[in-house]
Amino acid sequence: MIDAIVAWDLEDDPLGNVHHIVEHGLTIEEVEEVLLNEDNPVGKSRSSGRPITSGMTTTGKQIVVIWEEALDNPLIIRPVTAYEVG
């Protein structure tokens, strides 16, 4: 597991990151599971240039998480959105 803090917006914020993942049928737990797994590959989003991590959840979903680094020390990462692929 990556030693990082994951920053989430309020669940009732219609513009927040929680709303974006729920719209795509995902949970906070699924996103964190993929995001914090150091074995999952990290690339760069072609559309936004942000980091992107992909991986399989224990619920059987292959997902990608687009995120940004909010702070370096301690490492705080903020998911922007996530969605299921394949």
PDB file of N, CA and C in Angstrom:
ATOM      1  N   MET A   1       0.831  -1.196   0.000  1.00  0.00           N
ATOM      2  CA  MET A   1       0.000   0.000   0.000  1.00  0.00           C
ATOM      3  C   MET A   1       0.872   1.254   0.000  1.00  0.00           C
ATOM      4  N   ILE A   2       0.442   2.206  -0.784  1.00  0.00           N
ATOM      5  CA  ILE A   2       1.110   3.499  -0.822  1.00  0.00           C
ATOM      6  C   ILE A   2       0.745   4.254   0.451  1.00  0.00           C
ATOM      7  N   ASP A   3       1.741   4.882   1.057  1.00  0.00           N
ATOM      8  CA  ASP A   3       1.520   5.655   2.273  1.00  0.00           C
ATOM      9  C   ASP A   3       1.083   7.060   1.884  1.00  0.00           C
ATOM     10  N   ALA A   4      -0.220   7.243   1.758  1.00  0.00           N
ATOM     11  CA  ALA A   4      -0.759   8.524   1.332  1.00  0.00           C
ATOM     12  C   ALA A   4      -2.104   8.759   1.989  1.00  0.00           C
ATOM     13  N   ILE A   5      -2.471  10.009   2.044  1.00  0.00           N
ATOM     14  CA  ILE A   5      -3.792  10.420   2.507  1.00  0.00           C
ATOM     15  C   ILE A   5      -4.609  10.716   1.254  1.00  0.00           C
ATOM     16  N   VAL A   6      -5.824  10.192   1.198  1.00  0.00           N
ATOM     17  CA  VAL A   6      -6.703  10.455   0.061  1.00  0.00           C
ATOM     18  C   VAL A   6      -7.708  11.523   0.490  1.00  0.00           C
ATOM     19  N   ALA A   7      -7.743  12.616  -0.268  1.00  0.00           N
ATOM     20  CA  ALA A   7      -8.622  13.743   0.052  1.00  0.00           C
ATOM     21  C   ALA A   7      -9.933  13.628  -0.714  1.00  0.00           C
ATOM     22  N   TRP A   8     -11.024  13.623   0.033  1.00  0.00           N
ATOM     23  CA  TRP A   8     -12.359  13.529  -0.563  1.00  0.00           C
ATOM     24  C   TRP A   8     -13.158  14.785  -0.261  1.00  0.00           C
ATOM     25  N   ASP A   9     -13.987  15.196  -1.225  1.00  0.00           N
ATOM     26  CA  ASP A   9     -14.909  16.301  -1.013  1.00  0.00           C
ATOM     27  C   ASP A   9     -16.120  15.793  -0.229  1.00  0.00           C
ATOM     28  N   LEU A  10     -16.967  16.703   0.200  1.00  0.00           N
ATOM     29  CA  LEU A  10     -18.191  16.309   0.893  1.00  0.00           C
ATOM     30  C   LEU A  10     -19.088  15.529  -0.055  1.00  0.00           C
ATOM     31  N   GLU A  11     -19.740  14.522   0.479  1.00  0.00           N
ATOM     32  CA  GLU A  11     -20.592  13.661  -0.345  1.00  0.00           C
ATOM     33  C   GLU A  11     -21.743  14.407  -1.008  1.00  0.00           C
ATOM     34  N   ASP A  12     -22.204  15.498  -0.396  1.00  0.00           N
ATOM     35  CA  ASP A  12     -23.341  16.230  -0.969  1.00  0.00           C
ATOM     36  C   ASP A  12     -22.913  17.368  -1.895  1.00  0.00           C
ATOM     37  N   ASP A  13     -21.620  17.463  -2.198  1.00  0.00           N
ATOM     38  CA  ASP A  13     -21.114  18.478  -3.114  1.00  0.00           C
ATOM     39  C   ASP A  13     -21.321  17.985  -4.551  1.00  0.00           C
ATOM     40  N   PRO A  14     -22.232  18.584  -5.311  1.00  0.00           N
ATOM     41  CA  PRO A  14     -22.524  18.091  -6.662  1.00  0.00           C
ATOM     42  C   PRO A  14     -21.354  18.238  -7.628  1.00  0.00           C
ATOM     43  N   LEU A  15     -20.373  19.034  -7.287  1.00  0.00           N
ATOM     44  CA  LEU A  15     -19.196  19.205  -8.136  1.00  0.00           C
ATOM     45  C   LEU A  15     -17.978  18.471  -7.583  1.00  0.00           C
ATOM     46  N   GLY A  16     -18.161  17.750  -6.484  1.00  0.00           N
ATOM     47  CA  GLY A  16     -17.046  17.102  -5.805  1.00  0.00           C
ATOM     48  C   GLY A  16     -16.661  15.754  -6.390  1.00  0.00           C
ATOM     49  N   ASN A  17     -15.506  15.265  -5.921  1.00  0.00           N
ATOM     50  CA  ASN A  17     -14.987  13.998  -6.444  1.00  0.00           C
ATOM     51  C   ASN A  17     -15.824  12.792  -6.021  1.00  0.00           C
ATOM     52  N   VAL A  18     -16.459  12.840  -4.872  1.00  0.00           N
ATOM     53  CA  VAL A  18     -17.320  11.722  -4.454  1.00  0.00           C
ATOM     54  C   VAL A  18     -18.480  11.591  -5.439  1.00  0.00           C
ATOM     55  N   HIS A  19     -19.066  12.716  -5.795  1.00  0.00           N
ATOM     56  CA  HIS A  19     -20.181  12.718  -6.748  1.00  0.00           C
ATOM     57  C   HIS A  19     -19.741  12.128  -8.096  1.00  0.00           C
ATOM     58  N   HIS A  20     -18.537  12.470  -8.548  1.00  0.00           N
ATOM     59  CA  HIS A  20     -18.045  11.975  -9.836  1.00  0.00           C
ATOM     60  C   HIS A  20     -17.901  10.454  -9.852  1.00  0.00           C
ATOM     61  N   ILE A  21     -17.402   9.874  -8.756  1.00  0.00           N
ATOM     62  CA  ILE A  21     -17.218   8.414  -8.767  1.00  0.00           C
ATOM     63  C   ILE A  21     -18.541   7.679  -8.595  1.00  0.00           C
ATOM     64  N   VAL A  22     -19.429   8.237  -7.779  1.00  0.00           N
ATOM     65  CA  VAL A  22     -20.742   7.614  -7.582  1.00  0.00           C
ATOM     66  C   VAL A  22     -21.529   7.625  -8.893  1.00  0.00           C
ATOM     67  N   GLU A  23     -21.396   8.701  -9.675  1.00  0.00           N
ATOM     68  CA  GLU A  23     -22.046   8.773 -10.989  1.00  0.00           C
ATOM     69  C   GLU A  23     -21.614   7.618 -11.885  1.00  0.00           C
ATOM     70  N   HIS A  24     -20.390   7.129 -11.669  1.00  0.00           N
ATOM     71  CA  HIS A  24     -19.856   6.040 -12.480  1.00  0.00           C
ATOM     72  C   HIS A  24     -20.015   4.675 -11.807  1.00  0.00           C
ATOM     73  N   GLY A  25     -20.838   4.605 -10.776  1.00  0.00           N
ATOM     74  CA  GLY A  25     -21.146   3.331 -10.140  1.00  0.00           C
ATOM     75  C   GLY A  25     -20.049   2.778  -9.250  1.00  0.00           C
ATOM     76  N   LEU A  26     -19.168   3.652  -8.743  1.00  0.00           N
ATOM     77  CA  LEU A  26     -18.061   3.207  -7.897  1.00  0.00           C
ATOM     78  C   LEU A  26     -18.216   3.734  -6.481  1.00  0.00           C
ATOM     79  N   THR A  27     -17.464   3.122  -5.577  1.00  0.00           N
ATOM     80  CA  THR A  27     -17.463   3.551  -4.183  1.00  0.00           C
ATOM     81  C   THR A  27     -16.098   4.143  -3.828  1.00  0.00           C
ATOM     82  N   ILE A  28     -16.067   4.877  -2.743  1.00  0.00           N
ATOM     83  CA  ILE A  28     -14.809   5.419  -2.219  1.00  0.00           C
ATOM     84  C   ILE A  28     -13.832   4.278  -1.958  1.00  0.00           C
ATOM     85  N   GLU A  29     -14.321   3.185  -1.386  1.00  0.00           N
ATOM     86  CA  GLU A  29     -13.467   2.050  -1.054  1.00  0.00           C
ATOM     87  C   GLU A  29     -12.824   1.440  -2.301  1.00  0.00           C
ATOM     88  N   GLU A  30     -13.597   1.305  -3.370  1.00  0.00           N
ATOM     89  CA  GLU A  30     -13.054   0.739  -4.612  1.00  0.00           C
ATOM     90  C   GLU A  30     -11.962   1.641  -5.188  1.00  0.00           C
ATOM     91  N   VAL A  31     -12.208   2.933  -5.180  1.00  0.00           N
ATOM     92  CA  VAL A  31     -11.232   3.885  -5.715  1.00  0.00           C
ATOM     93  C   VAL A  31      -9.957   3.867  -4.881  1.00  0.00           C
ATOM     94  N   GLU A  32     -10.088   3.899  -3.569  1.00  0.00           N
ATOM     95  CA  GLU A  32      -8.905   3.884  -2.709  1.00  0.00           C
ATOM     96  C   GLU A  32      -8.133   2.580  -2.851  1.00  0.00           C
ATOM     97  N   GLU A  33      -8.839   1.482  -3.014  1.00  0.00           N
ATOM     98  CA  GLU A  33      -8.190   0.184  -3.179  1.00  0.00           C
ATOM     99  C   GLU A  33      -7.254   0.187  -4.388  1.00  0.00           C
ATOM    100  N   VAL A  34      -7.715   0.717  -5.501  1.00  0.00           N
ATOM    101  CA  VAL A  34      -6.902   0.770  -6.713  1.00  0.00           C
ATOM    102  C   VAL A  34      -5.832   1.855  -6.591  1.00  0.00           C
ATOM    103  N   LEU A  35      -6.213   3.001  -6.099  1.00  0.00           N
ATOM    104  CA  LEU A  35      -5.308   4.144  -6.016  1.00  0.00           C
ATOM    105  C   LEU A  35      -4.109   3.882  -5.111  1.00  0.00           C
ATOM    106  N   LEU A  36      -4.326   3.205  -4.003  1.00  0.00           N
ATOM    107  CA  LEU A  36      -3.262   3.013  -3.012  1.00  0.00           C
ATOM    108  C   LEU A  36      -2.476   1.715  -3.194  1.00  0.00           C
ATOM    109  N   ASN A  37      -2.807   0.922  -4.197  1.00  0.00           N
ATOM    110  CA  ASN A  37      -2.083  -0.323  -4.458  1.00  0.00           C
ATOM    111  C   ASN A  37      -0.837  -0.008  -5.277  1.00  0.00           C
ATOM    112  N   GLU A  38       0.329  -0.144  -4.656  1.00  0.00           N
ATOM    113  CA  GLU A  38       1.582   0.223  -5.331  1.00  0.00           C
ATOM    114  C   GLU A  38       1.911  -0.674  -6.518  1.00  0.00           C
ATOM    115  N   ASP A  39       1.234  -1.801  -6.648  1.00  0.00           N
ATOM    116  CA  ASP A  39       1.448  -2.685  -7.798  1.00  0.00           C
ATOM    117  C   ASP A  39       0.700  -2.227  -9.054  1.00  0.00           C
ATOM    118  N   ASN A  40      -0.239  -1.296  -8.893  1.00  0.00           N
ATOM    119  CA  ASN A  40      -1.009  -0.814 -10.041  1.00  0.00           C
ATOM    120  C   ASN A  40      -0.207   0.232 -10.813  1.00  0.00           C
ATOM    121  N   PRO A  41      -0.266   0.161 -12.152  1.00  0.00           N
ATOM    122  CA  PRO A  41       0.504   1.110 -12.956  1.00  0.00           C
ATOM    123  C   PRO A  41      -0.054   2.526 -12.881  1.00  0.00           C
ATOM    124  N   VAL A  42       0.858   3.496 -12.937  1.00  0.00           N
ATOM    125  CA  VAL A  42       0.496   4.910 -12.962  1.00  0.00           C
ATOM    126  C   VAL A  42       0.971   5.479 -14.291  1.00  0.00           C
ATOM    127  N   GLY A  43       0.080   6.139 -14.984  1.00  0.00           N
ATOM    128  CA  GLY A  43       0.418   6.777 -16.248  1.00  0.00           C
ATOM    129  C   GLY A  43      -0.023   8.221 -16.223  1.00  0.00           C
ATOM    130  N   LYS A  44      -0.224   8.764 -17.405  1.00  0.00           N
ATOM    131  CA  LYS A  44      -0.635  10.153 -17.541  1.00  0.00           C
ATOM    132  C   LYS A  44      -1.856  10.208 -18.449  1.00  0.00           C
ATOM    133  N   SER A  45      -2.886  10.903 -18.004  1.00  0.00           N
ATOM    134  CA  SER A  45      -4.101  11.058 -18.792  1.00  0.00           C
ATOM    135  C   SER A  45      -3.804  11.847 -20.064  1.00  0.00           C
ATOM    136  N   ARG A  46      -4.248  11.315 -21.196  1.00  0.00           N
ATOM    137  CA  ARG A  46      -4.028  12.012 -22.472  1.00  0.00           C
ATOM    138  C   ARG A  46      -4.830  13.298 -22.546  1.00  0.00           C
ATOM    139  N   SER A  47      -6.003  13.331 -21.925  1.00  0.00           N
ATOM    140  CA  SER A  47      -6.855  14.515 -22.049  1.00  0.00           C
ATOM    141  C   SER A  47      -6.515  15.615 -21.042  1.00  0.00           C
ATOM    142  N   SER A  48      -6.169  15.247 -19.814  1.00  0.00           N
ATOM    143  CA  SER A  48      -5.937  16.269 -18.786  1.00  0.00           C
ATOM    144  C   SER A  48      -4.470  16.412 -18.372  1.00  0.00           C
ATOM    145  N   GLY A  49      -3.655  15.404 -18.672  1.00  0.00           N
ATOM    146  CA  GLY A  49      -2.261  15.435 -18.231  1.00  0.00           C
ATOM    147  C   GLY A  49      -2.073  15.028 -16.788  1.00  0.00           C
ATOM    148  N   ARG A  50      -3.169  14.715 -16.100  1.00  0.00           N
ATOM    149  CA  ARG A  50      -3.093  14.301 -14.696  1.00  0.00           C
ATOM    150  C   ARG A  50      -2.639  12.845 -14.601  1.00  0.00           C
ATOM    151  N   PRO A  51      -2.135  12.459 -13.423  1.00  0.00           N
ATOM    152  CA  PRO A  51      -1.793  11.047 -13.212  1.00  0.00           C
ATOM    153  C   PRO A  51      -3.048  10.183 -13.276  1.00  0.00           C
ATOM    154  N   ILE A  52      -2.864   8.961 -13.763  1.00  0.00           N
ATOM    155  CA  ILE A  52      -3.964   8.010 -13.873  1.00  0.00           C
ATOM    156  C   ILE A  52      -3.463   6.647 -13.400  1.00  0.00           C
ATOM    157  N   THR A  53      -4.227   6.009 -12.537  1.00  0.00           N
ATOM    158  CA  THR A  53      -3.890   4.686 -12.013  1.00  0.00           C
ATOM    159  C   THR A  53      -5.000   3.725 -12.406  1.00  0.00           C
ATOM    160  N   SER A  54      -4.605   2.542 -12.859  1.00  0.00           N
ATOM    161  CA  SER A  54      -5.606   1.551 -13.227  1.00  0.00           C
ATOM    162  C   SER A  54      -5.378   0.271 -12.443  1.00  0.00           C
ATOM    163  N   GLY A  55      -6.461  -0.453 -12.199  1.00  0.00           N
ATOM    164  CA  GLY A  55      -6.345  -1.712 -11.471  1.00  0.00           C
ATOM    165  C   GLY A  55      -7.685  -2.371 -11.266  1.00  0.00           C
ATOM    166  N   MET A  56      -7.627  -3.563 -10.721  1.00  0.00           N
ATOM    167  CA  MET A  56      -8.816  -4.379 -10.449  1.00  0.00           C
ATOM    168  C   MET A  56      -9.187  -4.240  -8.977  1.00  0.00           C
ATOM    169  N   THR A  57     -10.480  -4.089  -8.727  1.00  0.00           N
ATOM    170  CA  THR A  57     -10.970  -4.038  -7.351  1.00  0.00           C
ATOM    171  C   THR A  57     -11.285  -5.452  -6.868  1.00  0.00           C
ATOM    172  N   THR A  58     -11.425  -5.621  -5.583  1.00  0.00           N
ATOM    173  CA  THR A  58     -11.810  -6.933  -5.050  1.00  0.00           C
ATOM    174  C   THR A  58     -13.263  -7.251  -5.384  1.00  0.00           C
ATOM    175  N   THR A  59     -14.015  -6.233  -5.849  1.00  0.00           N
ATOM    176  CA  THR A  59     -15.388  -6.463  -6.285  1.00  0.00           C
ATOM    177  C   THR A  59     -15.444  -6.887  -7.749  1.00  0.00           C
ATOM    178  N   GLY A  60     -14.265  -7.031  -8.388  1.00  0.00           N
ATOM    179  CA  GLY A  60     -14.198  -7.531  -9.749  1.00  0.00           C
ATOM    180  C   GLY A  60     -14.286  -6.480 -10.841  1.00  0.00           C
ATOM    181  N   LYS A  61     -14.171  -5.219 -10.496  1.00  0.00           N
ATOM    182  CA  LYS A  61     -14.239  -4.150 -11.490  1.00  0.00           C
ATOM    183  C   LYS A  61     -12.827  -3.715 -11.892  1.00  0.00           C
ATOM    184  N   GLN A  62     -12.613  -3.554 -13.186  1.00  0.00           N
ATOM    185  CA  GLN A  62     -11.384  -2.953 -13.694  1.00  0.00           C
ATOM    186  C   GLN A  62     -11.665  -1.467 -13.812  1.00  0.00           C
ATOM    187  N   ILE A  63     -10.937  -0.641 -13.052  1.00  0.00           N
ATOM    188  CA  ILE A  63     -11.226   0.795 -13.050  1.00  0.00           C
ATOM    189  C   ILE A  63      -9.962   1.602 -13.288  1.00  0.00           C
ATOM    190  N   VAL A  64     -10.171   2.848 -13.679  1.00  0.00           N
ATOM    191  CA  VAL A  64      -9.096   3.823 -13.746  1.00  0.00           C
ATOM    192  C   VAL A  64      -9.472   4.985 -12.841  1.00  0.00           C
ATOM    193  N   VAL A  65      -8.454   5.546 -12.194  1.00  0.00           N
ATOM    194  CA  VAL A  65      -8.646   6.681 -11.301  1.00  0.00           C
ATOM    195  C   VAL A  65      -7.757   7.816 -11.796  1.00  0.00           C
ATOM    196  N   ILE A  66      -8.361   8.946 -12.070  1.00  0.00           N
ATOM    197  CA  ILE A  66      -7.613  10.139 -12.445  1.00  0.00           C
ATOM    198  C   ILE A  66      -7.510  10.984 -11.184  1.00  0.00           C
ATOM    199  N   TRP A  67      -6.276  11.418 -10.888  1.00  0.00           N
ATOM    200  CA  TRP A  67      -6.053  12.078  -9.608  1.00  0.00           C
ATOM    201  C   TRP A  67      -5.030  13.192  -9.759  1.00  0.00           C
ATOM    202  N   GLU A  68      -4.856  13.939  -8.653  1.00  0.00           N
ATOM    203  CA  GLU A  68      -3.845  14.983  -8.599  1.00  0.00           C
ATOM    204  C   GLU A  68      -3.173  14.941  -7.240  1.00  0.00           C
ATOM    205  N   GLU A  69      -1.925  15.349  -7.220  1.00  0.00           N
ATOM    206  CA  GLU A  69      -1.181  15.408  -5.958  1.00  0.00           C
ATOM    207  C   GLU A  69      -1.461  16.757  -5.323  1.00  0.00           C
ATOM    208  N   ALA A  70      -2.114  16.743  -4.166  1.00  0.00           N
ATOM    209  CA  ALA A  70      -2.466  17.980  -3.484  1.00  0.00           C
ATOM    210  C   ALA A  70      -1.324  18.489  -2.613  1.00  0.00           C
ATOM    211  N   LEU A  71      -0.519  17.562  -2.085  1.00  0.00           N
ATOM    212  CA  LEU A  71       0.601  17.919  -1.216  1.00  0.00           C
ATOM    213  C   LEU A  71       1.624  16.801  -1.291  1.00  0.00           C
ATOM    214  N   ASP A  72       2.905  17.186  -1.196  1.00  0.00           N
ATOM    215  CA  ASP A  72       3.984  16.202  -1.329  1.00  0.00           C
ATOM    216  C   ASP A  72       4.382  15.566  -0.001  1.00  0.00           C
ATOM    217  N   ASN A  73       4.419  16.337   1.071  1.00  0.00           N
ATOM    218  CA  ASN A  73       4.896  15.805   2.352  1.00  0.00           C
ATOM    219  C   ASN A  73       4.054  16.358   3.485  1.00  0.00           C
ATOM    220  N   PRO A  74       3.126  15.569   4.031  1.00  0.00           N
ATOM    221  CA  PRO A  74       2.824  14.181   3.684  1.00  0.00           C
ATOM    222  C   PRO A  74       2.117  14.127   2.330  1.00  0.00           C
ATOM    223  N   LEU A  75       2.205  12.966   1.701  1.00  0.00           N
ATOM    224  CA  LEU A  75       1.591  12.790   0.393  1.00  0.00           C
ATOM    225  C   LEU A  75       0.067  12.777   0.530  1.00  0.00           C
ATOM    226  N   ILE A  76      -0.555  13.760  -0.098  1.00  0.00           N
ATOM    227  CA  ILE A  76      -2.015  13.832  -0.134  1.00  0.00           C
ATOM    228  C   ILE A  76      -2.415  13.806  -1.597  1.00  0.00           C
ATOM    229  N   ILE A  77      -3.235  12.810  -1.951  1.00  0.00           N
ATOM    230  CA  ILE A  77      -3.705  12.702  -3.321  1.00  0.00           C
ATOM    231  C   ILE A  77      -5.220  12.869  -3.348  1.00  0.00           C
ATOM    232  N   ARG A  78      -5.675  13.554  -4.386  1.00  0.00           N
ATOM    233  CA  ARG A  78      -7.096  13.849  -4.513  1.00  0.00           C
ATOM    234  C   ARG A  78      -7.622  13.242  -5.803  1.00  0.00           C
ATOM    235  N   PRO A  79      -8.475  12.221  -5.688  1.00  0.00           N
ATOM    236  CA  PRO A  79      -9.100  11.689  -6.897  1.00  0.00           C
ATOM    237  C   PRO A  79      -9.935  12.777  -7.558  1.00  0.00           C
ATOM    238  N   VAL A  80      -9.850  12.850  -8.870  1.00  0.00           N
ATOM    239  CA  VAL A  80     -10.670  13.796  -9.616  1.00  0.00           C
ATOM    240  C   VAL A  80     -11.918  13.073 -10.110  1.00  0.00           C
ATOM    241  N   THR A  81     -11.717  11.896 -10.677  1.00  0.00           N
ATOM    242  CA  THR A  81     -12.824  11.054 -11.115  1.00  0.00           C
ATOM    243  C   THR A  81     -12.314   9.627 -11.253  1.00  0.00           C
ATOM    244  N   ALA A  82     -13.202   8.707 -11.442  1.00  0.00           N
ATOM    245  CA  ALA A  82     -12.844   7.298 -11.662  1.00  0.00           C
ATOM    246  C   ALA A  82     -13.998   6.653 -12.402  1.00  0.00           C
ATOM    247  N   TYR A  83     -13.664   5.634 -13.175  1.00  0.00           N
ATOM    248  CA  TYR A  83     -14.707   4.942 -13.925  1.00  0.00           C
ATOM    249  C   TYR A  83     -14.248   3.535 -14.271  1.00  0.00           C
ATOM    250  N   GLU A  84     -15.233   2.686 -14.559  1.00  0.00           N
ATOM    251  CA  GLU A  84     -14.967   1.290 -14.911  1.00  0.00           C
ATOM    252  C   GLU A  84     -14.626   1.220 -16.393  1.00  0.00           C
ATOM    253  N   VAL A  85     -13.682   0.351 -16.736  1.00  0.00           N
ATOM    254  CA  VAL A  85     -13.287   0.139 -18.132  1.00  0.00           C
ATOM    255  C   VAL A  85     -13.491  -1.318 -18.502  1.00  0.00           C
ATOM    256  N   GLY A  86     -13.544  -1.558 -19.815  1.00  0.00           N
ATOM    257  CA  GLY A  86     -13.637  -2.934 -20.297  1.00  0.00           C
ATOM    258  C   GLY A  86     -14.966  -3.533 -20.026  1.00  0.00           C
TER     259      GLY A  86
END
